[in-house]
Protein backbone atom coordinates (compact mmCIF):
# COMPACT_ATOMS: atom_id res chain seq x y z
CA ASP A 1 0.00 0.00 0.00
CA ASN A 2 1.11 3.56 -0.61
CA PHE A 3 1.29 5.98 2.28
CA ASN A 4 0.92 9.72 1.84
CA LYS A 5 2.59 10.52 5.13
CA ILE A 6 4.19 8.57 7.95
CA GLU A 7 4.72 10.40 11.23
CA VAL A 8 6.76 8.56 13.85
CA ILE A 9 7.07 10.08 17.32
CA GLY A 10 9.25 8.70 20.09
CA GLY A 11 11.29 9.75 23.04
CA GLY A 12 13.98 7.17 23.70
CA GLY A 13 14.11 4.28 26.06
CA THR A 14 13.82 1.63 23.37
CA SER A 15 14.47 -1.93 24.49
CA LEU A 16 14.43 -4.67 21.88
CA VAL A 17 14.41 -7.43 24.53
CA PRO A 18 10.57 -7.71 24.59
CA VAL A 19 10.51 -7.68 20.79
CA ARG A 20 12.95 -10.60 20.63
CA GLU A 21 11.06 -12.50 23.33
CA HIS A 22 7.79 -12.06 21.43
CA ILE A 23 9.38 -13.26 18.18
CA LEU A 24 10.82 -16.34 19.90
CA LYS A 25 7.46 -17.10 21.53
CA THR A 26 5.22 -16.62 18.49
CA LYS A 27 7.65 -17.72 15.74
CA PRO A 28 6.27 -15.55 12.91
CA SER A 29 7.62 -16.04 9.40
CA VAL A 30 8.44 -12.30 9.21
CA ALA A 31 8.83 -9.60 11.85
CA ILE A 32 8.96 -5.92 10.90
CA VAL A 33 10.67 -3.77 13.52
CA PHE A 34 10.34 0.03 13.32
CA SER A 35 13.09 1.88 15.21
CA ASP A 36 15.80 4.50 14.90
CA LEU A 37 18.11 1.83 16.40
CA PHE A 38 19.73 4.26 18.80
CA CYS A 39 19.65 1.42 21.33
CA THR A 40 21.40 -1.77 22.37
CA GLU A 41 21.46 -4.28 19.52
CA MET A 42 19.01 -7.14 19.63
CA ASP A 43 20.54 -10.60 19.97
CA PRO A 44 20.14 -12.64 16.78
CA ILE A 45 17.04 -14.76 16.24
CA ILE A 46 17.75 -18.44 15.69
CA GLY A 47 15.17 -19.97 13.41
CA ASP A 48 13.33 -19.14 10.22
CA THR A 49 11.93 -15.69 11.13
CA LEU A 50 12.99 -13.00 8.69
CA ILE A 51 13.60 -9.71 10.49
CA ILE A 52 12.97 -6.55 8.48
CA TRP A 53 14.33 -3.41 10.16
CA VAL A 54 12.61 -0.15 9.17
CA ILE A 55 15.11 2.45 10.36
CA LEU A 56 14.16 6.10 10.70
CA GLY A 57 16.76 8.87 10.80
CA ASN A 58 19.87 6.76 11.42
CA PRO A 59 21.39 6.14 7.98
CA ASP A 60 24.77 5.05 9.36
CA THR A 61 23.50 1.97 11.19
CA THR A 62 23.26 -1.50 9.74
CA PRO A 63 21.91 -4.36 11.89
CA LYS A 64 24.04 -7.50 12.02
CA PHE A 65 21.17 -9.66 10.76
CA GLY A 66 17.96 -9.32 8.77
CA LYS A 67 17.09 -6.89 5.99
CA SER A 68 17.18 -3.11 6.40
CA ILE A 69 15.05 -0.31 4.98
CA HIS A 70 16.14 3.25 5.78
CA ILE A 71 13.59 6.08 5.85
CA LYS A 72 14.75 9.68 5.74
CA GLU A 73 13.13 12.02 8.25
């Protein structure tokens, strides 16, 4: 789907631990994680789940696993 405008608002304090735990518990085929990734890296996921990182405003970061999509602010 096309989006006319995406507005993402945050204030820090991101922890990817609950995200990883949820992925390990539910075992989806794909997980899409929206973040600026100004946080501690998430430990890798062992299994078949594809992680797609949608990264806002941090063009210099590249996660160690999964696929990345960078969005300019």
